[in-house]
Structure formats: C-alpha cells, structure tokens
Amino acid sequence: MESSAIIALLTFLIVYGILATEKINRTIIVGAGSIVLLVLGVLDLNEAINYVNWETIGLLLGMFVIVIVLSDSGFFSYLSFVVAKKLKYDPQTMLIVFPLLAGLLSAFIDSITVMLFLAALTIEIAKILKIDPVPLVVGEVVIANIGGSSTLVGDPPNVILGTQLGFGFNAFAVNNGPIAVVAALVAVGALFLMQRKNVTSSVAIDTSALSAIRAERTITNKWLLRLGLGALVAAVTLLITHEYIQQVWHIPITVPLAALIPAFVLLLIGGRETEDTLKKVDYDVLLFFIGLFIIVGGLEKTGVIATFASGMVNAAAGNNALLMSMLLWGSGFASGVIDNVPFALTMSYVIRDMSFVPSILATSLMVWAVSLGTDIGGNLTPIGASANVVAYSSLEKHGTRMGWIRWIKIAAPPTLVALVLCNLLLYVKYLVGFY
C-alpha cells in the first residue's frame, strides 16, 4: 500500500473513531481530517472540491429552509397535540400511533427535525400522564428511522446514496417505500407487544392539565404555516416530476433545485417574516457533509475503497443473494456503532466500484440494501443515527437517564425484526427482477 493510501486510511479511521465517542464536535473533526489530507498532499484543493457532492448540499439546504419555516409556525407541535387529543391521551394507543406518526413525517422531513419536536412533546405529555417516556421516545426514533428509509429526503444516508449514485425520489419511493411501510408496521407490533406494560400508570392523572392543552395555541404564525406547507408540497412534487419536466419541457430541474426553488420562493414571499430563516439553518451539518466528502474522497483517490470493494466481492464468492444480505446486515450493524451518515458515504463509493464487476448484483439492489441497512440498523444504539442522539439528549435534558443498555433492550427487537423482513422482501425483489 502506498504512503498516500496509508495516510488516507489512517485519517479516515481516526476521524471515525473520534466521531463514535461523541466527545468533540463532529464538524471540527471532519474539518481537521480534511485539512490533514490537503496538507500532506493526498488531495489538492481542486480534487477536494470536486469530491464534494454539491447536489447533496443543495438538497439539504433547501429542505432545511422549508422545515425551519414550518417549525417556526408551530406546525409540528400542533400536529402532535391534535393526534394525542384524538387518542384521548391513552398511553398504549400512543405507543402505536406516535411512532407511526414519526415514521410518516420522516418520509418527507428529516428524522432529526421530527425527533427534535416530537421527543420534547412526548416527554411533556408523559409527565402529565405520569408514565415513563422512554419506551415512547425510543419507539418514535425506531420508526422514524424506518420511515426515513422510504424516500430520498427521509434520512441523510438516502440523500447521499441517491445523489452520489443517481437514484431519485421516485426510485426510492417505489422500491424502498413498500418495504419500509411493512417493516414499520411489523416493528410497531413488536414494540407494542414488548413495551405496552411499561407505559401504564397506576397513579391518578391530572385531567385538568390535559383539558388545559389547546393545540391551536401552538400555531404561532398562520401565514408562515401556509407558506411552509405550500413549499413542502411544491418540493415533493418537483422531486417526483423533475425528470418528466426535463424530458418534456427541457427545463433543467435537478434534485437540489427541486428543493431550493420552493425554499427561496418561500423566503422571497415571506419577506420580513422569513428574513431570519437563513440564520437558523444548521450550517454545521452542511460543513460536516463537505468534510466527509473530502475524507472519503481521499480513500477513493488512493484506491482504498476499490480494495475494500474487491474484498466484499470475493467474500460473496459469486453469490449475489449472499452479497445483498452482507450489504444489508453489514450496513445495519456497522451503523449501530458508527454514525450512519459517514458510513453511507463510504458505501456509496464501494457500490460504485463493485458495479463495474461483471455479473455482480444490480447497482439498484445494492443501494436499497445499504440504504435500508444504514437507516434501520442505526436504531441499535443511541449514537447510530443523528435522530437517536437528539432523542437521547432530550430525555437527559428533561431528567430521564436511561443508558445504552436500556436503549438497546427497547430498540433492538423491533430493529432486528425489521431487518429480517427487509432481507426477505429484498430477496423477493431479487427473484422477481423488480428493482
């Protein structure tokens, strides 16, 4: 192995190791790793810039703007309180419906944002009901990550895999969508069977506190609500139809433009109401992605990823069904330990290199396997996905300490059941040739 490859690999492993500890800001870590590669000559500045997938950055920026406006309007809080009231604040029914709500929202809105508001509201409602919020919150995370696997914009790993390898919103919705729906329903069933007794309370509930909740009060700005919902519908519509628009009307609507156009129209129409929106965008996340692209680009340039891809092909020994299962379960367990965003980026290059091998598994099936594995497998630990970290931190902030062991006890059964089901359904797709 050449010295540049050794430097790239060591930088990658050190960065991954520090990311797993969650001790230092992840943007700082990947930024430092990128600088190391530039200073030591593994990449020059032009190569580093070219390895960044700007489609991913554009898509994320556009969706961030739309979600911030919806959040500022109070939409998410309103929706959660309306659902809870419809369920008559019954904890066992909430154990089914709240996770499913998280999964549905996460198909169109980043799961991190979903858990930011839903975890806090669930904890608030649990305090009034005098029940343990942990099963509810962890259940919401599990199904949010499963629901996020169903579309291009649902989870950051999908954004990376789709934009890197050329798979759009429709491809994810048609292929991952049905699998994610079935997996979510089965996972919710497993969660309910195992946790329903843990969300009951023998203490009298303060009904006056419940009756005092007015969902409509959470809507802080109806004008922003209309703008945000309109922009979200427009973005999803453009993501679904952008290929048709390009072919028929020859208007170059790309994946990032499908989100950026509604986002900036929203900012223009919003005027003073939205003038602070860009200040609220989480630029740390965008810089984190840019740094990751550069670090993984170093592995690609030096041939490390090609070597790893060759090793996976050899391990499968020509059995494509086995390779598909290896990708699903390998991605699942790896994402339980390592943040699934950098893992998905690494695997996007691995898939690209493997796709050149004659008679190898179809690229699309490799993408669906890795996508489902990284999104769902990330549930296994509190650090497997960003939504997990948000929910775990929210519980601790509100005085509930649970630890890794309890998280794994609650999250692992529905996650493993979902992965088994995904494996079976992917094998069916492989057999019938629908992928």
Protein backbone atom coordinates (compact mmCIF):
# COMPACT_ATOMS: atom_id res chain seq x y z
CA MET A 1 0.00 0.00 0.00
CA GLU A 2 1.38 3.41 -0.98
CA SER A 3 2.07 6.08 1.64
CA SER A 4 -0.80 8.29 0.42
CA ALA A 5 -3.23 5.38 0.84
CA ILE A 6 -1.93 4.71 4.35
CA ILE A 7 -2.38 8.39 5.28
CA ALA A 8 -5.90 8.45 3.84
CA LEU A 9 -6.88 5.25 5.65
CA LEU A 10 -5.39 6.30 8.99
CA THR A 11 -7.08 9.71 8.77
CA PHE A 12 -10.39 8.05 7.96
CA LEU A 13 -10.13 5.56 10.86
CA ILE A 14 -9.07 8.20 13.39
CA VAL A 15 -11.89 10.51 12.33
CA TYR A 16 -14.42 7.66 12.56
CA GLY A 17 -13.10 6.64 15.97
CA ILE A 18 -13.41 10.14 17.38
CA LEU A 19 -16.86 10.57 15.82
CA ALA A 20 -18.02 7.42 17.62
CA THR A 21 -17.04 8.87 21.01
CA GLU A 22 -19.24 11.96 20.52
CA LYS A 23 -16.69 13.87 22.63
CA ILE A 24 -15.74 16.54 20.08
CA ASN A 25 -17.93 18.47 17.66
CA ARG A 26 -18.16 16.29 14.55
CA THR A 27 -17.78 19.22 12.14
CA ILE A 28 -14.47 20.15 13.74
CA ILE A 29 -13.25 16.54 13.49
CA VAL A 30 -14.02 16.07 9.80
CA GLY A 31 -12.69 19.56 9.07
CA ALA A 32 -9.39 18.69 10.74
CA GLY A 33 -9.25 15.38 8.84
CA SER A 34 -9.82 17.19 5.55
CA ILE A 35 -7.02 19.66 6.30
CA VAL A 36 -4.65 16.78 7.11
CA LEU A 37 -5.28 15.26 3.67
CA LEU A 38 -4.68 18.62 1.98
CA VAL A 39 -1.54 19.46 3.95
CA LEU A 40 0.02 16.02 3.41
CA GLY A 41 -0.72 16.12 -0.32
CA VAL A 42 -3.16 13.22 -0.51
CA LEU A 43 -5.57 15.60 -2.25
CA ASP A 44 -5.09 19.04 -3.74
CA LEU A 45 -7.71 21.76 -3.31
CA ASN A 46 -9.34 21.23 -6.72
CA GLU A 47 -9.65 17.48 -6.10
CA ALA A 48 -11.14 18.10 -2.66
CA ILE A 49 -13.75 20.46 -4.11
CA ASN A 50 -14.58 18.00 -6.90
CA TYR A 51 -15.15 15.17 -4.43
CA VAL A 52 -17.84 17.18 -2.65
CA ASN A 53 -21.28 16.22 -3.94
CA TRP A 54 -22.88 19.66 -4.21
CA GLU A 55 -26.24 18.11 -5.12
CA THR A 56 -26.42 16.68 -1.60
CA ILE A 57 -25.56 20.06 -0.07
CA GLY A 58 -28.15 21.87 -2.20
CA LEU A 59 -30.93 19.39 -1.43
CA LEU A 60 -30.23 19.56 2.30
CA LEU A 61 -30.12 23.38 2.31
CA GLY A 62 -33.46 23.64 0.53
CA MET A 63 -35.19 21.16 2.85
CA PHE A 64 -33.65 22.82 5.92
CA VAL A 65 -35.17 26.19 4.97
CA ILE A 66 -38.66 24.70 4.44
CA VAL A 67 -38.58 22.74 7.70
CA ILE A 68 -37.36 25.75 9.72
CA VAL A 69 -40.33 27.81 8.49
CA LEU A 70 -42.77 25.00 9.36
CA SER A 71 -41.20 24.65 12.79
CA ASP A 72 -41.34 28.41 13.45
CA SER A 73 -45.03 28.41 12.54
CA GLY A 74 -45.79 25.82 15.25
CA PHE A 75 -46.98 23.19 12.78
CA PHE A 76 -45.22 20.21 14.35
CA SER A 77 -46.37 20.96 17.90
CA TYR A 78 -49.93 21.49 16.68
CA LEU A 79 -49.98 18.20 14.80
CA SER A 80 -48.65 16.24 17.80
CA PHE A 81 -51.17 17.70 20.25
CA VAL A 82 -54.07 17.14 17.84
CA VAL A 83 -53.10 13.47 17.44
CA ALA A 84 -52.66 12.99 21.21
CA LYS A 85 -56.08 14.51 21.87
CA LYS A 86 -57.72 12.31 19.22
CA LEU A 87 -56.22 9.32 21.03
CA LYS A 88 -57.66 10.61 24.32
CA TYR A 89 -54.11 10.59 25.69
CA ASP A 90 -54.23 6.79 26.04
CA PRO A 91 -50.57 5.69 26.54
CA GLN A 92 -50.89 2.29 24.88
CA THR A 93 -52.58 3.75 21.80
CA MET A 94 -49.93 6.46 21.72
CA LEU A 95 -47.26 3.72 21.76
CA ILE A 96 -48.61 2.64 18.37
CA VAL A 97 -49.70 5.91 16.77
CA PHE A 98 -46.91 8.30 17.83
CA PRO A 99 -44.13 6.12 16.35
CA LEU A 100 -46.18 5.72 13.16
CA LEU A 101 -46.63 9.50 13.03
CA ALA A 102 -42.85 9.88 13.40
CA GLY A 103 -42.33 7.39 10.56
CA LEU A 104 -44.81 9.17 8.26
CA LEU A 105 -43.30 12.61 8.87
CA SER A 106 -39.76 11.27 8.48
CA ALA A 107 -40.54 10.11 4.95
CA PHE A 108 -40.74 13.76 3.87
CA ILE A 109 -38.97 15.70 6.62
CA ASP A 110 -35.55 14.87 8.01
CA SER A 111 -35.90 12.49 11.00
CA ILE A 112 -33.63 14.75 13.08
CA THR A 113 -36.17 17.56 12.86
CA VAL A 114 -39.04 15.18 13.58
CA MET A 115 -37.41 13.99 16.80
CA LEU A 116 -36.42 17.50 17.88
CA PHE A 117 -40.05 18.46 18.40
CA LEU A 118 -41.72 15.07 18.91
CA ALA A 119 -39.41 13.86 21.69
CA ALA A 120 -39.90 17.07 23.69
CA LEU A 121 -43.68 16.96 23.30
CA THR A 122 -43.86 13.26 24.15
CA ILE A 123 -41.89 13.86 27.35
CA GLU A 124 -44.21 16.74 28.25
CA ILE A 125 -47.32 14.61 27.72
CA ALA A 126 -45.76 11.65 29.59
CA LYS A 127 -45.18 13.87 32.65
CA ILE A 128 -48.86 14.84 32.69
CA LEU A 129 -49.88 11.18 32.28
CA LYS A 130 -47.30 10.15 34.93
CA ILE A 131 -45.80 7.46 32.70
CA ASP A 132 -42.26 6.59 31.63
CA PRO A 133 -41.48 8.48 28.39
CA VAL A 134 -38.57 6.22 27.40
CA PRO A 135 -40.49 3.47 25.54
CA LEU A 136 -42.48 6.08 23.63
CA VAL A 137 -39.48 8.20 22.64
CA VAL A 138 -37.26 5.26 21.67
CA GLY A 139 -40.17 3.76 19.73
CA GLU A 140 -40.59 7.04 17.86
CA VAL A 141 -36.90 7.06 16.93
CA VAL A 142 -37.01 3.47 15.69
CA ILE A 143 -39.99 4.03 13.41
CA ALA A 144 -38.77 7.49 12.34
CA ASN A 145 -35.57 5.92 11.02
CA ILE A 146 -37.52 3.13 9.32
CA GLY A 147 -39.92 5.66 7.78
CA GLY A 148 -36.97 7.79 6.71
CA SER A 149 -35.63 4.90 4.64
CA SER A 150 -38.64 5.08 2.33
CA THR A 151 -37.72 8.22 0.36
CA LEU A 152 -34.74 10.17 -0.95
CA VAL A 153 -35.22 13.01 1.55
CA GLY A 154 -36.24 10.91 4.56
CA ASP A 155 -32.79 10.24 6.02
CA PRO A 156 -29.37 11.77 5.29
CA PRO A 157 -27.91 8.37 4.18
CA ASN A 158 -30.54 8.23 1.43
CA VAL A 159 -29.69 11.75 0.29
CA ILE A 160 -26.04 10.68 -0.05
CA LEU A 161 -26.71 7.34 -1.76
CA GLY A 162 -29.27 8.84 -4.13
CA THR A 163 -27.31 11.89 -5.22
CA GLN A 164 -24.00 10.02 -5.41
CA LEU A 165 -25.32 7.11 -7.45
CA GLY A 166 -28.11 8.76 -9.46
CA PHE A 167 -31.27 7.42 -7.80
CA GLY A 168 -34.10 9.92 -7.41
CA PHE A 169 -37.13 10.38 -5.19
CA ASN A 170 -39.38 8.12 -7.26
CA ALA A 171 -36.87 5.25 -7.30
CA PHE A 172 -36.60 5.29 -3.50
CA ALA A 173 -40.36 5.65 -3.02
CA VAL A 174 -41.20 2.76 -5.39
CA ASN A 175 -38.51 0.36 -4.19
CA ASN A 176 -37.81 1.21 -0.55
CA GLY A 177 -41.24 2.67 0.22
CA PRO A 178 -43.34 -0.53 0.36
CA ILE A 179 -40.61 -2.38 2.26
CA ALA A 180 -40.34 0.46 4.79
CA VAL A 181 -44.12 0.56 5.32
CA VAL A 182 -44.33 -3.17 6.04
CA ALA A 183 -41.19 -3.05 8.21
CA ALA A 184 -42.57 -0.11 10.20
CA LEU A 185 -45.89 -1.85 10.86
CA VAL A 186 -44.19 -5.06 11.97
CA ALA A 187 -41.69 -3.14 14.12
CA VAL A 188 -44.51 -1.19 15.81
CA GLY A 189 -46.24 -4.51 16.53
CA ALA A 190 -43.07 -5.90 18.14
CA LEU A 191 -42.59 -2.67 20.10
CA PHE A 192 -46.17 -2.74 21.38
CA LEU A 193 -46.01 -6.38 22.47
CA MET A 194 -42.80 -5.81 24.43
CA GLN A 195 -43.42 -2.33 25.90
CA ARG A 196 -47.17 -1.93 26.40
CA LYS A 197 -46.94 -2.76 30.13
CA ASN A 198 -44.18 -0.19 30.59
CA VAL A 199 -46.35 2.77 29.58
CA THR A 200 -49.19 2.24 32.06
CA SER A 201 -49.62 4.28 35.22
CA SER A 202 -51.29 3.34 38.49
CA VAL A 203 -51.25 6.99 39.61
CA ALA A 204 -54.29 9.21 39.09
CA ILE A 205 -53.93 11.51 36.08
CA ASP A 206 -54.45 15.25 36.39
CA THR A 207 -57.31 15.64 33.93
CA SER A 208 -57.34 19.42 34.38
CA ALA A 209 -53.82 19.61 32.93
CA LEU A 210 -54.98 17.64 29.89
CA SER A 211 -58.08 19.75 29.35
CA ALA A 212 -55.95 22.90 29.58
CA ILE A 213 -53.96 21.88 26.49
CA ARG A 214 -55.10 23.85 23.45
CA ALA A 215 -53.48 22.61 20.24
CA GLU A 216 -54.48 25.73 18.29
CA ARG A 217 -52.37 27.88 20.61
CA THR A 218 -49.22 26.23 19.29
CA ILE A 219 -49.76 27.81 15.85
CA THR A 220 -47.70 30.97 16.19
CA ASN A 221 -47.99 32.24 12.61
CA LYS A 222 -50.69 31.07 10.21
CA TRP A 223 -49.09 32.89 7.26
CA LEU A 224 -45.79 31.03 7.79
CA LEU A 225 -47.73 27.78 8.17
CA ARG A 226 -49.38 28.22 4.77
CA LEU A 227 -46.08 29.21 3.14
CA GLY A 228 -44.20 26.29 4.69
CA LEU A 229 -46.80 23.68 3.75
CA GLY A 230 -47.03 25.10 0.24
CA ALA A 231 -43.24 24.95 -0.16
CA LEU A 232 -43.10 21.38 1.18
CA VAL A 233 -45.80 20.21 -1.25
CA ALA A 234 -44.02 22.02 -4.10
CA ALA A 235 -40.66 20.45 -3.22
CA VAL A 236 -42.07 16.92 -3.06
CA THR A 237 -43.98 17.50 -6.31
CA LEU A 238 -40.84 18.71 -8.09
CA LEU A 239 -38.82 15.79 -6.71
CA ILE A 240 -41.41 13.40 -8.15
CA THR A 241 -41.79 15.15 -11.52
CA HIS A 242 -38.39 16.76 -12.21
CA GLU A 243 -37.30 14.06 -14.68
CA TYR A 244 -40.57 14.41 -16.60
CA ILE A 245 -40.16 18.22 -16.65
CA GLN A 246 -36.63 17.86 -18.05
CA GLN A 247 -37.70 15.39 -20.75
CA VAL A 248 -40.89 17.12 -21.91
CA TRP A 249 -40.28 20.83 -21.30
CA HIS A 250 -36.46 20.74 -21.30
CA ILE A 251 -36.29 22.76 -18.08
CA PRO A 252 -33.21 21.58 -16.13
CA ILE A 253 -34.86 20.94 -12.77
CA THR A 254 -32.34 18.84 -10.87
CA VAL A 255 -32.77 17.16 -7.47
CA PRO A 256 -31.25 20.06 -5.46
CA LEU A 257 -33.22 22.65 -7.46
CA ALA A 258 -36.42 20.75 -6.64
CA ALA A 259 -35.87 21.76 -3.01
CA LEU A 260 -34.03 25.06 -3.49
CA ILE A 261 -36.64 26.65 -5.80
CA PRO A 262 -39.58 26.31 -3.34
CA ALA A 263 -37.28 27.24 -0.45
CA PHE A 264 -36.12 30.53 -1.95
CA VAL A 265 -39.55 31.40 -3.35
CA LEU A 266 -40.76 30.88 0.22
CA LEU A 267 -38.08 33.27 1.53
CA LEU A 268 -38.94 35.89 -1.10
CA ILE A 269 -42.69 35.78 -0.45
CA GLY A 270 -42.21 35.63 3.31
CA GLY A 271 -40.42 38.97 3.38
CA ARG A 272 -39.81 40.16 6.93
CA GLU A 273 -41.46 37.05 8.35
CA THR A 274 -38.69 34.84 6.95
CA GLU A 275 -35.71 37.21 6.95
CA ASP A 276 -34.09 35.35 9.89
CA THR A 277 -34.70 31.87 8.46
CA LEU A 278 -31.28 31.52 6.79
CA LYS A 279 -29.64 32.42 10.10
CA LYS A 280 -31.29 29.37 11.67
CA VAL A 281 -30.02 26.88 9.09
CA ASP A 282 -27.72 24.31 10.70
CA TYR A 283 -24.62 25.13 8.67
CA ASP A 284 -22.61 22.80 10.92
CA VAL A 285 -24.39 19.88 9.24
CA LEU A 286 -23.58 21.17 5.75
CA LEU A 287 -19.92 21.70 6.68
CA PHE A 288 -19.86 18.23 8.23
CA PHE A 289 -21.04 16.72 4.95
CA ILE A 290 -18.47 18.69 2.95
CA GLY A 291 -15.67 17.45 5.22
CA LEU A 292 -16.89 13.87 4.92
CA PHE A 293 -16.92 14.02 1.14
CA ILE A 294 -13.30 15.17 1.19
CA ILE A 295 -12.13 12.48 3.63
CA VAL A 296 -13.88 9.65 1.78
CA GLY A 297 -12.64 11.17 -1.48
CA GLY A 298 -9.11 10.57 -0.20
CA LEU A 299 -9.92 6.88 0.18
CA GLU A 300 -11.37 6.75 -3.31
CA LYS A 301 -8.43 8.50 -4.96
CA THR A 302 -5.81 6.29 -3.27
CA GLY A 303 -7.59 3.04 -4.15
CA VAL A 304 -8.51 2.01 -0.61
CA ILE A 305 -12.21 1.80 -1.43
CA ALA A 306 -11.55 -0.21 -4.58
CA THR A 307 -9.58 -2.71 -2.48
CA PHE A 308 -12.41 -2.96 0.06
CA ALA A 309 -14.99 -3.40 -2.70
CA SER A 310 -12.90 -6.17 -4.24
CA GLY A 311 -12.71 -7.88 -0.86
CA MET A 312 -16.50 -7.83 -0.49
CA VAL A 313 -16.98 -9.30 -3.96
CA ASN A 314 -14.51 -12.08 -3.17
CA ALA A 315 -16.20 -12.78 0.19
CA ALA A 316 -19.54 -13.25 -1.56
CA ALA A 317 -17.88 -15.79 -3.90
CA GLY A 318 -20.22 -15.03 -6.80
CA ASN A 319 -23.41 -15.48 -4.75
CA ASN A 320 -25.34 -12.26 -5.39
CA ALA A 321 -28.09 -13.10 -2.88
CA LEU A 322 -25.41 -13.53 -0.22
CA LEU A 323 -23.78 -10.24 -1.23
CA MET A 324 -27.14 -8.47 -0.87
CA SER A 325 -27.58 -9.88 2.64
CA MET A 326 -24.00 -8.96 3.53
CA LEU A 327 -24.64 -5.37 2.45
CA LEU A 328 -27.90 -5.15 4.41
CA TRP A 329 -26.69 -6.71 7.66
CA GLY A 330 -23.16 -5.33 7.45
CA SER A 331 -24.57 -1.84 6.99
CA GLY A 332 -27.08 -2.44 9.78
CA PHE A 333 -24.59 -3.49 12.44
CA ALA A 334 -21.91 -1.02 11.35
CA SER A 335 -24.42 1.85 11.55
CA GLY A 336 -25.34 0.82 15.07
CA VAL A 337 -21.81 1.66 16.16
CA ILE A 338 -20.76 4.35 13.66
CA ASP A 339 -22.87 7.36 12.69
CA ASN A 340 -24.73 6.15 9.60
CA VAL A 341 -24.02 9.29 7.54
CA PRO A 342 -20.26 8.75 7.05
CA PHE A 343 -20.87 5.03 6.64
CA ALA A 344 -23.40 5.62 3.85
CA LEU A 345 -20.98 7.92 2.06
CA THR A 346 -18.22 5.32 2.23
CA MET A 347 -20.56 2.62 0.94
CA SER A 348 -21.67 4.81 -1.97
CA TYR A 349 -18.11 4.62 -3.32
CA VAL A 350 -17.90 0.91 -2.53
CA ILE A 351 -21.10 0.27 -4.50
CA ARG A 352 -19.83 2.36 -7.42
CA ASP A 353 -16.61 0.34 -7.59
CA MET A 354 -18.42 -3.01 -7.23
CA SER A 355 -20.86 -2.11 -10.00
CA PHE A 356 -18.05 -2.47 -12.58
CA VAL A 357 -17.56 -6.16 -11.72
CA PRO A 358 -19.13 -8.42 -14.40
CA SER A 359 -22.28 -10.33 -13.34
CA ILE A 360 -22.40 -8.52 -9.99
CA LEU A 361 -25.63 -7.76 -8.14
CA ALA A 362 -27.60 -4.91 -9.75
CA THR A 363 -26.46 -1.50 -8.52
CA SER A 364 -30.02 -0.58 -7.53
CA LEU A 365 -30.34 -3.63 -5.27
CA MET A 366 -27.03 -2.76 -3.62
CA VAL A 367 -28.34 0.76 -3.00
CA TRP A 368 -31.61 -0.47 -1.48
CA ALA A 369 -29.79 -2.95 0.75
CA VAL A 370 -27.30 -0.37 2.05
CA SER A 371 -29.99 2.29 2.44
CA LEU A 372 -32.29 0.05 4.49
CA GLY A 373 -29.35 -1.32 6.47
CA THR A 374 -27.88 2.06 7.41
CA ASP A 375 -31.21 3.74 8.14
CA ILE A 376 -32.74 0.91 10.19
CA GLY A 377 -29.54 -0.50 11.72
CA GLY A 378 -28.75 2.95 13.08
CA ASN A 379 -31.52 2.33 15.64
CA LEU A 380 -29.44 -0.16 17.61
CA THR A 381 -27.56 2.34 19.79
CA PRO A 382 -28.05 5.96 20.92
CA ILE A 383 -25.32 7.13 18.51
CA GLY A 384 -26.27 5.11 15.43
CA ALA A 385 -28.15 7.98 13.81
CA SER A 386 -28.48 11.71 14.44
CA ALA A 387 -32.16 11.34 15.37
CA ASN A 388 -31.10 8.94 18.14
CA VAL A 389 -28.66 11.48 19.57
CA VAL A 390 -31.36 14.17 19.53
CA ALA A 391 -33.89 11.95 21.34
CA TYR A 392 -31.35 10.63 23.87
CA SER A 393 -30.19 14.18 24.66
CA SER A 394 -33.79 15.36 25.00
CA LEU A 395 -34.54 12.65 27.56
CA GLU A 396 -31.44 13.54 29.58
CA LYS A 397 -32.24 17.26 29.38
CA HIS A 398 -35.64 16.55 30.93
CA GLY A 399 -34.15 14.50 33.76
CA THR A 400 -34.53 10.96 32.37
CA ARG A 401 -31.31 8.96 32.32
CA MET A 402 -31.58 5.59 30.61
CA GLY A 403 -28.12 4.42 29.47
CA TRP A 404 -27.15 2.35 26.45
CA ILE A 405 -28.32 -1.00 27.83
CA ARG A 406 -31.93 0.06 28.20
CA TRP A 407 -31.90 1.75 24.79
CA ILE A 408 -30.65 -1.47 23.18
CA LYS A 409 -33.24 -3.58 25.06
CA ILE A 410 -36.06 -1.44 23.71
CA ALA A 411 -34.73 -0.68 20.22
CA ALA A 412 -33.04 -3.95 19.23
CA PRO A 413 -36.08 -6.30 18.95
CA PRO A 414 -38.15 -4.14 16.56
CA THR A 415 -34.99 -3.19 14.65
CA LEU A 416 -33.87 -6.80 14.14
CA VAL A 417 -37.39 -7.87 13.17
CA ALA A 418 -37.47 -5.05 10.61
CA LEU A 419 -34.08 -6.02 9.17
CA VAL A 420 -35.12 -9.69 8.83
CA LEU A 421 -38.25 -8.58 6.99
CA CYS A 422 -36.22 -6.25 4.75
CA ASN A 423 -33.89 -9.12 3.90
CA LEU A 424 -36.81 -11.34 2.90
CA LEU A 425 -38.50 -8.64 0.81
CA LEU A 426 -35.25 -7.68 -0.91
CA TYR A 427 -34.72 -11.34 -1.79
CA VAL A 428 -38.23 -11.42 -3.30
CA LYS A 429 -37.36 -8.33 -5.38
CA TYR A 430 -34.15 -10.07 -6.46
CA LEU A 431 -36.04 -13.20 -7.53
CA VAL A 432 -38.81 -11.42 -9.47
CA GLY A 433 -36.41 -8.88 -11.01
CA PHE A 434 -38.24 -5.82 -9.72
CA TYR A 435 -35.59 -3.37 -8.63
